[in-house]
Amino acid sequence: MALFLITTKNCSGTTNGIKVENGMTIEVISKYSDPINTNGGHEVIDAFQRKYGIDIKKAAKLSKSYLDVKKIN
């Protein structure tokens, strides 16, 4: 398992009624090497929901175009 630091980028604004700001950051522990694209990104979606109360998938920002992924360990 690995710890990932995921931060929003290039996505300020509102989409589908959901406001997303640049710099929103979450930490995700995942057994997958790519937590955004593997398993439907459920770990990432859940983490954004817990921390910010937003559905990052409904906001159409669940991709590497909008999320910067760094593996911590």
C-alpha atoms as a PDB file:
ATOM      1  CA  MET A   1       0.000   0.000   0.000  1.00  0.00           C
ATOM      2  CA  ALA A   2       1.110   3.511  -0.746  1.00  0.00           C
ATOM      3  CA  LEU A   3       0.213   6.994   0.409  1.00  0.00           C
ATOM      4  CA  PHE A   4      -0.694   9.519  -2.303  1.00  0.00           C
ATOM      5  CA  LEU A   5      -1.061  13.282  -2.035  1.00  0.00           C
ATOM      6  CA  ILE A   6      -3.636  14.458  -4.581  1.00  0.00           C
ATOM      7  CA  THR A   7      -4.112  18.170  -5.311  1.00  0.00           C
ATOM      8  CA  THR A   8      -6.520  19.935  -7.675  1.00  0.00           C
ATOM      9  CA  LYS A   9      -5.035  22.020 -10.476  1.00  0.00           C
ATOM     10  CA  ASN A  10      -6.439  23.999 -13.429  1.00  0.00           C
ATOM     11  CA  CYS A  11     -10.000  23.614 -12.230  1.00  0.00           C
ATOM     12  CA  SER A  12     -11.243  26.710 -10.422  1.00  0.00           C
ATOM     13  CA  GLY A  13     -14.912  27.276 -11.024  1.00  0.00           C
ATOM     14  CA  THR A  14     -18.267  25.592 -10.812  1.00  0.00           C
ATOM     15  CA  THR A  15     -19.347  22.548 -12.846  1.00  0.00           C
ATOM     16  CA  ASN A  16     -22.681  20.774 -12.373  1.00  0.00           C
ATOM     17  CA  GLY A  17     -23.296  23.024  -9.367  1.00  0.00           C
ATOM     18  CA  ILE A  18     -20.098  21.900  -7.610  1.00  0.00           C
ATOM     19  CA  LYS A  19     -17.428  24.480  -6.804  1.00  0.00           C
ATOM     20  CA  VAL A  20     -13.846  23.212  -7.001  1.00  0.00           C
ATOM     21  CA  GLU A  21     -10.847  25.393  -6.139  1.00  0.00           C
ATOM     22  CA  ASN A  22      -7.233  24.992  -7.175  1.00  0.00           C
ATOM     23  CA  GLY A  23      -5.099  23.613  -4.351  1.00  0.00           C
ATOM     24  CA  MET A  24      -7.680  21.384  -2.665  1.00  0.00           C
ATOM     25  CA  THR A  25      -5.572  18.532  -1.275  1.00  0.00           C
ATOM     26  CA  ILE A  26      -6.373  15.052   0.012  1.00  0.00           C
ATOM     27  CA  GLU A  27      -4.316  12.086   1.160  1.00  0.00           C
ATOM     28  CA  VAL A  28      -5.266   8.622  -0.051  1.00  0.00           C
ATOM     29  CA  ILE A  29      -3.889   5.242   0.981  1.00  0.00           C
ATOM     30  CA  SER A  30      -4.236   2.835  -1.923  1.00  0.00           C
ATOM     31  CA  LYS A  31      -3.072  -0.603  -2.936  1.00  0.00           C
ATOM     32  CA  TYR A  32      -3.199   0.568  -6.559  1.00  0.00           C
ATOM     33  CA  SER A  33      -0.395   2.425  -8.312  1.00  0.00           C
ATOM     34  CA  ASP A  34      -2.920   4.808  -9.933  1.00  0.00           C
ATOM     35  CA  PRO A  35      -5.771   5.598  -7.511  1.00  0.00           C
ATOM     36  CA  ILE A  36      -7.504   7.952  -9.962  1.00  0.00           C
ATOM     37  CA  ASN A  37      -7.982   5.536 -12.843  1.00  0.00           C
ATOM     38  CA  THR A  38      -8.070   2.212 -11.003  1.00  0.00           C
ATOM     39  CA  ASN A  39     -11.259   0.873  -9.411  1.00  0.00           C
ATOM     40  CA  GLY A  40     -13.268   3.816 -10.737  1.00  0.00           C
ATOM     41  CA  GLY A  41     -11.329   6.241  -8.541  1.00  0.00           C
ATOM     42  CA  HIS A  42     -13.563   5.380  -5.572  1.00  0.00           C
ATOM     43  CA  GLU A  43     -10.842   6.056  -2.991  1.00  0.00           C
ATOM     44  CA  VAL A  44     -10.273   9.538  -4.412  1.00  0.00           C
ATOM     45  CA  ILE A  45     -14.001  10.265  -4.713  1.00  0.00           C
ATOM     46  CA  ASP A  46     -14.582   9.163  -1.111  1.00  0.00           C
ATOM     47  CA  ALA A  47     -11.671  11.252   0.209  1.00  0.00           C
ATOM     48  CA  PHE A  48     -12.929  14.451  -1.487  1.00  0.00           C
ATOM     49  CA  GLN A  49     -16.419  13.734  -0.148  1.00  0.00           C
ATOM     50  CA  ARG A  50     -15.124  13.265   3.420  1.00  0.00           C
ATOM     51  CA  LYS A  51     -12.845  16.298   3.495  1.00  0.00           C
ATOM     52  CA  TYR A  52     -14.651  18.868   1.336  1.00  0.00           C
ATOM     53  CA  GLY A  53     -18.168  17.481   0.930  1.00  0.00           C
ATOM     54  CA  ILE A  54     -17.942  17.520  -2.866  1.00  0.00           C
ATOM     55  CA  ASP A  55     -18.365  14.847  -5.525  1.00  0.00           C
ATOM     56  CA  ILE A  56     -15.227  15.263  -7.628  1.00  0.00           C
ATOM     57  CA  LYS A  57     -16.589  12.840 -10.249  1.00  0.00           C
ATOM     58  CA  LYS A  58     -19.879  14.737 -10.659  1.00  0.00           C
ATOM     59  CA  ALA A  59     -17.797  17.915 -10.983  1.00  0.00           C
ATOM     60  CA  ALA A  60     -16.087  16.209 -13.965  1.00  0.00           C
ATOM     61  CA  LYS A  61     -12.626  16.662 -12.401  1.00  0.00           C
ATOM     62  CA  LEU A  62     -11.656  13.023 -11.802  1.00  0.00           C
ATOM     63  CA  SER A  63      -8.696  12.894 -14.191  1.00  0.00           C
ATOM     64  CA  LYS A  64      -4.997  13.649 -14.228  1.00  0.00           C
ATOM     65  CA  SER A  65      -5.763  16.770 -16.253  1.00  0.00           C
ATOM     66  CA  TYR A  66      -7.274  18.267 -13.099  1.00  0.00           C
ATOM     67  CA  LEU A  67      -5.549  16.315 -10.329  1.00  0.00           C
ATOM     68  CA  ASP A  68      -1.841  16.233  -9.483  1.00  0.00           C
ATOM     69  CA  VAL A  69      -0.843  12.888  -7.938  1.00  0.00           C
ATOM     70  CA  LYS A  70       2.323  12.492  -5.864  1.00  0.00           C
ATOM     71  CA  LYS A  71       3.331   9.212  -4.262  1.00  0.00           C
ATOM     72  CA  ILE A  72       4.576   9.928  -0.732  1.00  0.00           C
ATOM     73  CA  ASN A  73       5.813   6.435   0.166  1.00  0.00           C
END
